[in-house]
């Protein structure tokens, strides 16, 4: 949308270019706030943990890490959830 708005500005269509740019900013803002909530509701993890996983993945691996971070979080959640359910962690802590 940015190139489209830029072309409109160069063609002196300022009102349409501003509208396209405003719409782009709105979409980006809404996506930043809603994406963690939507992802977390689908995978069953609290939104803040999903957001932390996405941020950590982004910092470690870039844009691809934003997708890999929540996947790693799901895997770790399942490993620890199964481990706790089987009582392995409980038996270690009780010794």
PDB file of N, CA and C in Angstrom:
ATOM      1  N   UNK A   1       0.811  -1.191   0.000  1.00  0.00           N
ATOM      2  CA  UNK A   1       0.000   0.000   0.000  1.00  0.00           C
ATOM      3  C   UNK A   1       0.859   1.262   0.000  1.00  0.00           C
ATOM      4  N   UNK A   2       2.061   1.152   0.533  1.00  0.00           N
ATOM      5  CA  UNK A   2       2.938   2.323   0.573  1.00  0.00           C
ATOM      6  C   UNK A   2       3.338   2.766  -0.840  1.00  0.00           C
ATOM      7  N   UNK A   3       3.730   1.835  -1.731  1.00  0.00           N
ATOM      8  CA  UNK A   3       4.043   2.284  -3.099  1.00  0.00           C
ATOM      9  C   UNK A   3       2.832   2.904  -3.805  1.00  0.00           C
ATOM     10  N   UNK A   4       1.665   2.339  -3.536  1.00  0.00           N
ATOM     11  CA  UNK A   4       0.444   2.879  -4.124  1.00  0.00           C
ATOM     12  C   UNK A   4       0.216   4.309  -3.641  1.00  0.00           C
ATOM     13  N   UNK A   5       0.360   4.542  -2.332  1.00  0.00           N
ATOM     14  CA  UNK A   5       0.191   5.882  -1.780  1.00  0.00           C
ATOM     15  C   UNK A   5       1.253   6.822  -2.331  1.00  0.00           C
ATOM     16  N   UNK A   6       2.478   6.333  -2.466  1.00  0.00           N
ATOM     17  CA  UNK A   6       3.561   7.158  -3.001  1.00  0.00           C
ATOM     18  C   UNK A   6       3.272   7.586  -4.441  1.00  0.00           C
ATOM     19  N   UNK A   7       2.789   6.658  -5.242  1.00  0.00           N
ATOM     20  CA  UNK A   7       2.437   6.982  -6.634  1.00  0.00           C
ATOM     21  C   UNK A   7       1.314   8.008  -6.676  1.00  0.00           C
ATOM     22  N   UNK A   8       0.335   7.844  -5.783  1.00  0.00           N
ATOM     23  CA  UNK A   8      -0.758   8.820  -5.733  1.00  0.00           C
ATOM     24  C   UNK A   8      -0.247  10.200  -5.342  1.00  0.00           C
ATOM     25  N   UNK A   9       0.676  10.275  -4.388  1.00  0.00           N
ATOM     26  CA  UNK A   9       1.254  11.562  -4.004  1.00  0.00           C
ATOM     27  C   UNK A   9       2.025  12.189  -5.162  1.00  0.00           C
ATOM     28  N   UNK A  10       2.765  11.356  -5.904  1.00  0.00           N
ATOM     29  CA  UNK A  10       3.510  11.878  -7.045  1.00  0.00           C
ATOM     30  C   UNK A  10       2.593  12.365  -8.161  1.00  0.00           C
ATOM     31  N   UNK A  11       1.398  11.764  -8.254  1.00  0.00           N
ATOM     32  CA  UNK A  11       0.407  12.199  -9.245  1.00  0.00           C
ATOM     33  C   UNK A  11      -0.475  13.331  -8.719  1.00  0.00           C
ATOM     34  N   UNK A  12      -0.099  13.874  -7.558  1.00  0.00           N
ATOM     35  CA  UNK A  12      -0.793  15.006  -6.924  1.00  0.00           C
ATOM     36  C   UNK A  12      -2.228  14.681  -6.526  1.00  0.00           C
ATOM     37  N   UNK A  13      -2.465  13.424  -6.198  1.00  0.00           N
ATOM     38  CA  UNK A  13      -3.760  13.009  -5.659  1.00  0.00           C
ATOM     39  C   UNK A  13      -3.583  12.818  -4.151  1.00  0.00           C
ATOM     40  N   UNK A  14      -3.463  13.960  -3.469  1.00  0.00           N
ATOM     41  CA  UNK A  14      -3.090  13.947  -2.058  1.00  0.00           C
ATOM     42  C   UNK A  14      -4.168  13.344  -1.154  1.00  0.00           C
ATOM     43  N   UNK A  15      -5.425  13.611  -1.441  1.00  0.00           N
ATOM     44  CA  UNK A  15      -6.482  13.107  -0.553  1.00  0.00           C
ATOM     45  C   UNK A  15      -6.575  11.578  -0.616  1.00  0.00           C
ATOM     46  N   UNK A  16      -6.512  11.012  -1.801  1.00  0.00           N
ATOM     47  CA  UNK A  16      -6.578   9.552  -1.931  1.00  0.00           C
ATOM     48  C   UNK A  16      -5.300   8.917  -1.372  1.00  0.00           C
ATOM     49  N   UNK A  17      -4.155   9.525  -1.648  1.00  0.00           N
ATOM     50  CA  UNK A  17      -2.892   9.018  -1.117  1.00  0.00           C
ATOM     51  C   UNK A  17      -2.870   9.034   0.398  1.00  0.00           C
ATOM     52  N   UNK A  18      -3.376  10.110   0.987  1.00  0.00           N
ATOM     53  CA  UNK A  18      -3.453  10.199   2.448  1.00  0.00           C
ATOM     54  C   UNK A  18      -4.403   9.154   3.008  1.00  0.00           C
ATOM     55  N   UNK A  19      -5.506   8.931   2.312  1.00  0.00           N
ATOM     56  CA  UNK A  19      -6.467   7.921   2.759  1.00  0.00           C
ATOM     57  C   UNK A  19      -5.854   6.528   2.722  1.00  0.00           C
ATOM     58  N   UNK A  20      -5.148   6.208   1.663  1.00  0.00           N
ATOM     59  CA  UNK A  20      -4.496   4.903   1.544  1.00  0.00           C
ATOM     60  C   UNK A  20      -3.436   4.744   2.631  1.00  0.00           C
ATOM     61  N   UNK A  21      -2.652   5.781   2.864  1.00  0.00           N
ATOM     62  CA  UNK A  21      -1.625   5.733   3.899  1.00  0.00           C
ATOM     63  C   UNK A  21      -2.248   5.604   5.290  1.00  0.00           C
ATOM     64  N   UNK A  22      -3.342   6.333   5.535  1.00  0.00           N
ATOM     65  CA  UNK A  22      -4.050   6.229   6.815  1.00  0.00           C
ATOM     66  C   UNK A  22      -4.629   4.838   7.029  1.00  0.00           C
ATOM     67  N   UNK A  23      -5.182   4.262   5.979  1.00  0.00           N
ATOM     68  CA  UNK A  23      -5.728   2.911   6.059  1.00  0.00           C
ATOM     69  C   UNK A  23      -4.619   1.900   6.358  1.00  0.00           C
ATOM     70  N   UNK A  24      -3.479   2.096   5.749  1.00  0.00           N
ATOM     71  CA  UNK A  24      -2.334   1.207   5.992  1.00  0.00           C
ATOM     72  C   UNK A  24      -1.894   1.279   7.453  1.00  0.00           C
ATOM     73  N   UNK A  25      -1.781   2.469   7.983  1.00  0.00           N
ATOM     74  CA  UNK A  25      -1.384   2.643   9.381  1.00  0.00           C
ATOM     75  C   UNK A  25      -2.415   2.013  10.314  1.00  0.00           C
ATOM     76  N   UNK A  26      -3.694   2.182  10.014  1.00  0.00           N
ATOM     77  CA  UNK A  26      -4.756   1.583  10.813  1.00  0.00           C
ATOM     78  C   UNK A  26      -4.671   0.059  10.801  1.00  0.00           C
ATOM     79  N   UNK A  27      -4.477  -0.518   9.635  1.00  0.00           N
ATOM     80  CA  UNK A  27      -4.387  -1.979   9.512  1.00  0.00           C
ATOM     81  C   UNK A  27      -3.181  -2.511  10.283  1.00  0.00           C
ATOM     82  N   UNK A  28      -2.051  -1.853  10.176  1.00  0.00           N
ATOM     83  CA  UNK A  28      -0.847  -2.277  10.892  1.00  0.00           C
ATOM     84  C   UNK A  28      -1.073  -2.197  12.403  1.00  0.00           C
ATOM     85  N   UNK A  29      -1.689  -1.122  12.873  1.00  0.00           N
ATOM     86  CA  UNK A  29      -1.934  -0.957  14.312  1.00  0.00           C
ATOM     87  C   UNK A  29      -2.881  -2.032  14.835  1.00  0.00           C
ATOM     88  N   UNK A  30      -3.964  -2.269  14.118  1.00  0.00           N
ATOM     89  CA  UNK A  30      -4.924  -3.288  14.546  1.00  0.00           C
ATOM     90  C   UNK A  30      -4.274  -4.665  14.530  1.00  0.00           C
ATOM     91  N   UNK A  31      -3.494  -4.925  13.534  1.00  0.00           N
ATOM     92  CA  UNK A  31      -2.832  -6.227  13.435  1.00  0.00           C
ATOM     93  C   UNK A  31      -1.864  -6.452  14.597  1.00  0.00           C
ATOM     94  N   UNK A  32      -1.146  -5.406  14.999  1.00  0.00           N
ATOM     95  CA  UNK A  32      -0.197  -5.531  16.101  1.00  0.00           C
ATOM     96  C   UNK A  32      -0.897  -5.887  17.412  1.00  0.00           C
ATOM     97  N   UNK A  33      -2.110  -5.379  17.603  1.00  0.00           N
ATOM     98  CA  UNK A  33      -2.827  -5.639  18.842  1.00  0.00           C
ATOM     99  C   UNK A  33      -3.637  -6.924  18.800  1.00  0.00           C
ATOM    100  N   UNK A  34      -4.188  -7.268  17.653  1.00  0.00           N
ATOM    101  CA  UNK A  34      -5.081  -8.420  17.581  1.00  0.00           C
ATOM    102  C   UNK A  34      -4.397  -9.736  17.232  1.00  0.00           C
ATOM    103  N   UNK A  35      -3.293  -9.684  16.530  1.00  0.00           N
ATOM    104  CA  UNK A  35      -2.647 -10.922  16.091  1.00  0.00           C
ATOM    105  C   UNK A  35      -2.265 -11.845  17.249  1.00  0.00           C
ATOM    106  N   UNK A  36      -1.635 -11.346  18.307  1.00  0.00           N
ATOM    107  CA  UNK A  36      -1.329 -12.254  19.421  1.00  0.00           C
ATOM    108  C   UNK A  36      -2.583 -12.861  20.058  1.00  0.00           C
ATOM    109  N   UNK A  37      -3.643 -12.080  20.165  1.00  0.00           N
ATOM    110  CA  UNK A  37      -4.888 -12.576  20.756  1.00  0.00           C
ATOM    111  C   UNK A  37      -5.502 -13.669  19.890  1.00  0.00           C
ATOM    112  N   UNK A  38      -5.527 -13.467  18.588  1.00  0.00           N
ATOM    113  CA  UNK A  38      -6.104 -14.459  17.676  1.00  0.00           C
ATOM    114  C   UNK A  38      -5.274 -15.735  17.684  1.00  0.00           C
ATOM    115  N   UNK A  39      -3.963 -15.587  17.610  1.00  0.00           N
ATOM    116  CA  UNK A  39      -3.086 -16.760  17.610  1.00  0.00           C
ATOM    117  C   UNK A  39      -3.210 -17.520  18.916  1.00  0.00           C
ATOM    118  N   UNK A  40      -3.221 -16.792  20.028  1.00  0.00           N
ATOM    119  CA  UNK A  40      -3.279 -17.467  21.325  1.00  0.00           C
ATOM    120  C   UNK A  40      -4.602 -18.182  21.535  1.00  0.00           C
ATOM    121  N   UNK A  41      -5.694 -17.639  21.026  1.00  0.00           N
ATOM    122  CA  UNK A  41      -6.983 -18.319  21.192  1.00  0.00           C
ATOM    123  C   UNK A  41      -7.024 -19.605  20.372  1.00  0.00           C
ATOM    124  N   UNK A  42      -6.322 -19.657  19.288  1.00  0.00           N
ATOM    125  CA  UNK A  42      -6.300 -20.860  18.457  1.00  0.00           C
ATOM    126  C   UNK A  42      -5.401 -21.947  19.042  1.00  0.00           C
ATOM    127  N   UNK A  43      -4.322 -21.560  19.720  1.00  0.00           N
ATOM    128  CA  UNK A  43      -3.378 -22.558  20.218  1.00  0.00           C
ATOM    129  C   UNK A  43      -3.530 -22.836  21.704  1.00  0.00           C
ATOM    130  N   UNK A  44      -4.370 -22.071  22.396  1.00  0.00           N
ATOM    131  CA  UNK A  44      -4.641 -22.340  23.797  1.00  0.00           C
ATOM    132  C   UNK A  44      -3.569 -21.857  24.757  1.00  0.00           C
ATOM    133  N   UNK A  45      -2.875 -20.805  24.402  1.00  0.00           N
ATOM    134  CA  UNK A  45      -1.843 -20.235  25.256  1.00  0.00           C
ATOM    135  C   UNK A  45      -2.207 -18.773  25.505  1.00  0.00           C
ATOM    136  N   UNK A  46      -1.901 -18.287  26.696  1.00  0.00           N
ATOM    137  CA  UNK A  46      -2.218 -16.903  27.054  1.00  0.00           C
ATOM    138  C   UNK A  46      -1.585 -15.940  26.041  1.00  0.00           C
ATOM    139  N   UNK A  47      -2.305 -14.853  25.690  1.00  0.00           N
ATOM    140  CA  UNK A  47      -1.788 -13.919  24.680  1.00  0.00           C
ATOM    141  C   UNK A  47      -0.430 -13.316  25.007  1.00  0.00           C
ATOM    142  N   UNK A  48      -0.162 -13.055  26.273  1.00  0.00           N
ATOM    143  CA  UNK A  48       1.128 -12.442  26.607  1.00  0.00           C
ATOM    144  C   UNK A  48       2.283 -13.397  26.318  1.00  0.00           C
ATOM    145  N   UNK A  49       2.076 -14.700  26.569  1.00  0.00           N
ATOM    146  CA  UNK A  49       3.118 -15.676  26.272  1.00  0.00           C
ATOM    147  C   UNK A  49       3.315 -15.818  24.764  1.00  0.00           C
ATOM    148  N   UNK A  50       2.220 -15.726  24.028  1.00  0.00           N
ATOM    149  CA  UNK A  50       2.309 -15.777  22.569  1.00  0.00           C
ATOM    150  C   UNK A  50       3.080 -14.570  22.044  1.00  0.00           C
ATOM    151  N   UNK A  51       2.781 -13.401  22.606  1.00  0.00           N
ATOM    152  CA  UNK A  51       3.470 -12.184  22.198  1.00  0.00           C
ATOM    153  C   UNK A  51       4.958 -12.256  22.532  1.00  0.00           C
ATOM    154  N   UNK A  52       5.280 -12.765  23.705  1.00  0.00           N
ATOM    155  CA  UNK A  52       6.690 -12.921  24.098  1.00  0.00           C
ATOM    156  C   UNK A  52       7.391 -13.902  23.170  1.00  0.00           C
ATOM    157  N   UNK A  53       6.707 -14.994  22.821  1.00  0.00           N
ATOM    158  CA  UNK A  53       7.305 -15.975  21.910  1.00  0.00           C
ATOM    159  C   UNK A  53       7.531 -15.374  20.526  1.00  0.00           C
ATOM    160  N   UNK A  54       6.576 -14.574  20.048  1.00  0.00           N
ATOM    161  CA  UNK A  54       6.737 -13.935  18.746  1.00  0.00           C
ATOM    162  C   UNK A  54       7.888 -12.926  18.778  1.00  0.00           C
ATOM    163  N   UNK A  55       7.974 -12.142  19.855  1.00  0.00           N
ATOM    164  CA  UNK A  55       9.038 -11.146  19.969  1.00  0.00           C
ATOM    165  C   UNK A  55      10.407 -11.814  20.077  1.00  0.00           C
ATOM    166  N   UNK A  56      10.480 -12.849  20.923  1.00  0.00           N
ATOM    167  CA  UNK A  56      11.746 -13.562  21.084  1.00  0.00           C
ATOM    168  C   UNK A  56      12.177 -14.210  19.773  1.00  0.00           C
ATOM    169  N   UNK A  57      11.229 -14.829  19.081  1.00  0.00           N
ATOM    170  CA  UNK A  57      11.541 -15.423  17.787  1.00  0.00           C
ATOM    171  C   UNK A  57      12.019 -14.390  16.782  1.00  0.00           C
ATOM    172  N   UNK A  58      11.371 -13.213  16.810  1.00  0.00           N
ATOM    173  CA  UNK A  58      11.773 -12.143  15.901  1.00  0.00           C
ATOM    174  C   UNK A  58      13.182 -11.662  16.211  1.00  0.00           C
ATOM    175  N   UNK A  59      13.491 -11.495  17.506  1.00  0.00           N
ATOM    176  CA  UNK A  59      14.812 -11.021  17.891  1.00  0.00           C
ATOM    177  C   UNK A  59      15.906 -12.032  17.556  1.00  0.00           C
ATOM    178  N   UNK A  60      15.577 -13.331  17.681  1.00  0.00           N
ATOM    179  CA  UNK A  60      16.585 -14.354  17.431  1.00  0.00           C
ATOM    180  C   UNK A  60      16.743 -14.694  15.953  1.00  0.00           C
ATOM    181  N   UNK A  61      15.620 -14.724  15.214  1.00  0.00           N
ATOM    182  CA  UNK A  61      15.670 -15.239  13.842  1.00  0.00           C
ATOM    183  C   UNK A  61      15.011 -14.339  12.801  1.00  0.00           C
ATOM    184  N   UNK A  62      14.583 -13.154  13.189  1.00  0.00           N
ATOM    185  CA  UNK A  62      13.966 -12.254  12.238  1.00  0.00           C
ATOM    186  C   UNK A  62      12.500 -12.589  12.010  1.00  0.00           C
ATOM    187  N   UNK A  63      12.004 -12.245  10.832  1.00  0.00           N
ATOM    188  CA  UNK A  63      10.586 -12.414  10.520  1.00  0.00           C
ATOM    189  C   UNK A  63      10.183 -13.884  10.595  1.00  0.00           C
ATOM    190  N   UNK A  64      11.031 -14.772  10.149  1.00  0.00           N
ATOM    191  CA  UNK A  64      10.724 -16.204  10.213  1.00  0.00           C
ATOM    192  C   UNK A  64      10.575 -16.659  11.663  1.00  0.00           C
ATOM    193  N   UNK A  65      11.315 -16.040  12.560  1.00  0.00           N
ATOM    194  CA  UNK A  65      11.226 -16.366  13.969  1.00  0.00           C
ATOM    195  C   UNK A  65       9.887 -16.028  14.586  1.00  0.00           C
ATOM    196  N   UNK A  66       9.182 -15.038  14.000  1.00  0.00           N
ATOM    197  CA  UNK A  66       7.847 -14.709  14.495  1.00  0.00           C
ATOM    198  C   UNK A  66       6.883 -15.871  14.297  1.00  0.00           C
ATOM    199  N   UNK A  67       7.122 -16.659  13.285  1.00  0.00           N
ATOM    200  CA  UNK A  67       6.288 -17.841  13.058  1.00  0.00           C
ATOM    201  C   UNK A  67       6.797 -19.039  13.857  1.00  0.00           C
ATOM    202  N   UNK A  68       8.103 -19.144  13.995  1.00  0.00           N
ATOM    203  CA  UNK A  68       8.687 -20.295  14.680  1.00  0.00           C
ATOM    204  C   UNK A  68       8.554 -20.169  16.199  1.00  0.00           C
ATOM    205  N   UNK A  69       8.603 -18.948  16.733  1.00  0.00           N
ATOM    206  CA  UNK A  69       8.523 -18.727  18.175  1.00  0.00           C
ATOM    207  C   UNK A  69       7.284 -19.353  18.817  1.00  0.00           C
ATOM    208  N   UNK A  70       6.071 -19.052  18.324  1.00  0.00           N
ATOM    209  CA  UNK A  70       4.886 -19.684  18.905  1.00  0.00           C
ATOM    210  C   UNK A  70       4.858 -21.207  18.732  1.00  0.00           C
ATOM    211  N   UNK A  71       5.426 -21.704  17.644  1.00  0.00           N
ATOM    212  CA  UNK A  71       5.470 -23.155  17.432  1.00  0.00           C
ATOM    213  C   UNK A  71       6.346 -23.807  18.488  1.00  0.00           C
ATOM    214  N   UNK A  72       7.505 -23.195  18.763  1.00  0.00           N
ATOM    215  CA  UNK A  72       8.386 -23.711  19.812  1.00  0.00           C
ATOM    216  C   UNK A  72       7.684 -23.643  21.164  1.00  0.00           C
ATOM    217  N   UNK A  73       6.946 -22.568  21.398  1.00  0.00           N
ATOM    218  CA  UNK A  73       6.198 -22.431  22.650  1.00  0.00           C
ATOM    219  C   UNK A  73       5.171 -23.546  22.808  1.00  0.00           C
ATOM    220  N   UNK A  74       4.468 -23.880  21.740  1.00  0.00           N
ATOM    221  CA  UNK A  74       3.481 -24.966  21.787  1.00  0.00           C
ATOM    222  C   UNK A  74       4.167 -26.293  22.091  1.00  0.00           C
ATOM    223  N   UNK A  75       5.302 -26.537  21.451  1.00  0.00           N
ATOM    224  CA  UNK A  75       6.031 -27.785  21.683  1.00  0.00           C
ATOM    225  C   UNK A  75       6.494 -27.867  23.136  1.00  0.00           C
ATOM    226  N   UNK A  76       7.071 -26.781  23.648  1.00  0.00           N
ATOM    227  CA  UNK A  76       7.515 -26.778  25.035  1.00  0.00           C
ATOM    228  C   UNK A  76       6.353 -26.940  26.007  1.00  0.00           C
ATOM    229  N   UNK A  77       5.241 -26.294  25.692  1.00  0.00           N
ATOM    230  CA  UNK A  77       4.053 -26.426  26.554  1.00  0.00           C
ATOM    231  C   UNK A  77       3.599 -27.877  26.604  1.00  0.00           C
ATOM    232  N   UNK A  78       3.547 -28.534  25.470  1.00  0.00           N
ATOM    233  CA  UNK A  78       3.113 -29.929  25.438  1.00  0.00           C
ATOM    234  C   UNK A  78       4.103 -30.853  26.143  1.00  0.00           C
ATOM    235  N   UNK A  79       5.387 -30.607  25.981  1.00  0.00           N
ATOM    236  CA  UNK A  79       6.390 -31.438  26.655  1.00  0.00           C
ATOM    237  C   UNK A  79       6.244 -31.312  28.166  1.00  0.00           C
ATOM    238  N   UNK A  80       6.205 -30.083  28.652  1.00  0.00           N
ATOM    239  CA  UNK A  80       6.134 -29.888  30.100  1.00  0.00           C
ATOM    240  C   UNK A  80       4.781 -30.289  30.658  1.00  0.00           C
ATOM    241  N   UNK A  81       3.724 -30.096  29.882  1.00  0.00           N
ATOM    242  CA  UNK A  81       2.394 -30.493  30.335  1.00  0.00           C
ATOM    243  C   UNK A  81       2.328 -32.011  30.495  1.00  0.00           C
ATOM    244  N   UNK A  82       2.856 -32.740  29.528  1.00  0.00           N
ATOM    245  CA  UNK A  82       2.875 -34.204  29.616  1.00  0.00           C
ATOM    246  C   UNK A  82       3.795 -34.678  30.732  1.00  0.00           C
ATOM    247  N   UNK A  83       4.914 -34.018  30.905  1.00  0.00           N
ATOM    248  CA  UNK A  83       5.858 -34.397  31.949  1.00  0.00           C
ATOM    249  C   UNK A  83       5.236 -34.199  33.330  1.00  0.00           C
ATOM    250  N   UNK A  84       4.559 -33.103  33.521  1.00  0.00           N
ATOM    251  CA  UNK A  84       3.913 -32.829  34.800  1.00  0.00           C
ATOM    252  C   UNK A  84       2.765 -33.803  35.028  1.00  0.00           C
ATOM    253  N   UNK A  85       1.982 -34.093  33.980  1.00  0.00           N
ATOM    254  CA  UNK A  85       0.866 -35.024  34.108  1.00  0.00           C
ATOM    255  C   UNK A  85       1.329 -36.427  34.469  1.00  0.00           C
ATOM    256  N   UNK A  86       2.477 -36.832  33.949  1.00  0.00           N
ATOM    257  CA  UNK A  86       2.990 -38.170  34.250  1.00  0.00           C
ATOM    258  C   UNK A  86       3.593 -38.250  35.637  1.00  0.00           C
ATOM    259  N   UNK A  87       3.848 -37.118  36.246  1.00  0.00           N
ATOM    260  CA  UNK A  87       4.372 -37.108  37.601  1.00  0.00           C
ATOM    261  C   UNK A  87       5.874 -37.158  37.696  1.00  0.00           C
ATOM    262  N   UNK A  88       6.573 -37.031  36.587  1.00  0.00           N
ATOM    263  CA  UNK A  88       8.032 -37.077  36.612  1.00  0.00           C
ATOM    264  C   UNK A  88       8.580 -35.884  37.392  1.00  0.00           C
ATOM    265  N   UNK A  89       8.051 -34.714  37.109  1.00  0.00           N
ATOM    266  CA  UNK A  89       8.515 -33.511  37.805  1.00  0.00           C
ATOM    267  C   UNK A  89       8.123 -33.601  39.272  1.00  0.00           C
ATOM    268  N   UNK A  90       6.913 -34.106  39.574  1.00  0.00           N
ATOM    269  CA  UNK A  90       6.479 -34.240  40.963  1.00  0.00           C
ATOM    270  C   UNK A  90       7.393 -35.186  41.736  1.00  0.00           C
ATOM    271  N   UNK A  91       7.803 -36.264  41.104  1.00  0.00           N
ATOM    272  CA  UNK A  91       8.681 -37.208  41.790  1.00  0.00           C
ATOM    273  C   UNK A  91      10.071 -36.609  42.026  1.00  0.00           C
ATOM    274  N   UNK A  92      10.538 -35.774  41.142  1.00  0.00           N
ATOM    275  CA  UNK A  92      11.840 -35.117  41.320  1.00  0.00           C
ATOM    276  C   UNK A  92      11.752 -34.103  42.460  1.00  0.00           C
ATOM    277  N   UNK A  93      10.664 -33.349  42.489  1.00  0.00           N
ATOM    278  CA  UNK A  93      10.520 -32.316  43.520  1.00  0.00           C
ATOM    279  C   UNK A  93      10.257 -32.903  44.898  1.00  0.00           C
ATOM    280  N   UNK A  94       9.670 -34.069  44.977  1.00  0.00           N
ATOM    281  CA  UNK A  94       9.363 -34.678  46.264  1.00  0.00           C
ATOM    282  C   UNK A  94      10.564 -35.355  46.896  1.00  0.00           C
ATOM    283  N   UNK A  95      11.595 -35.651  46.146  1.00  0.00           N
ATOM    284  CA  UNK A  95      12.768 -36.346  46.696  1.00  0.00           C
ATOM    285  C   UNK A  95      13.605 -35.481  47.559  1.00  0.00           C
TER     286      UNK A  95
END
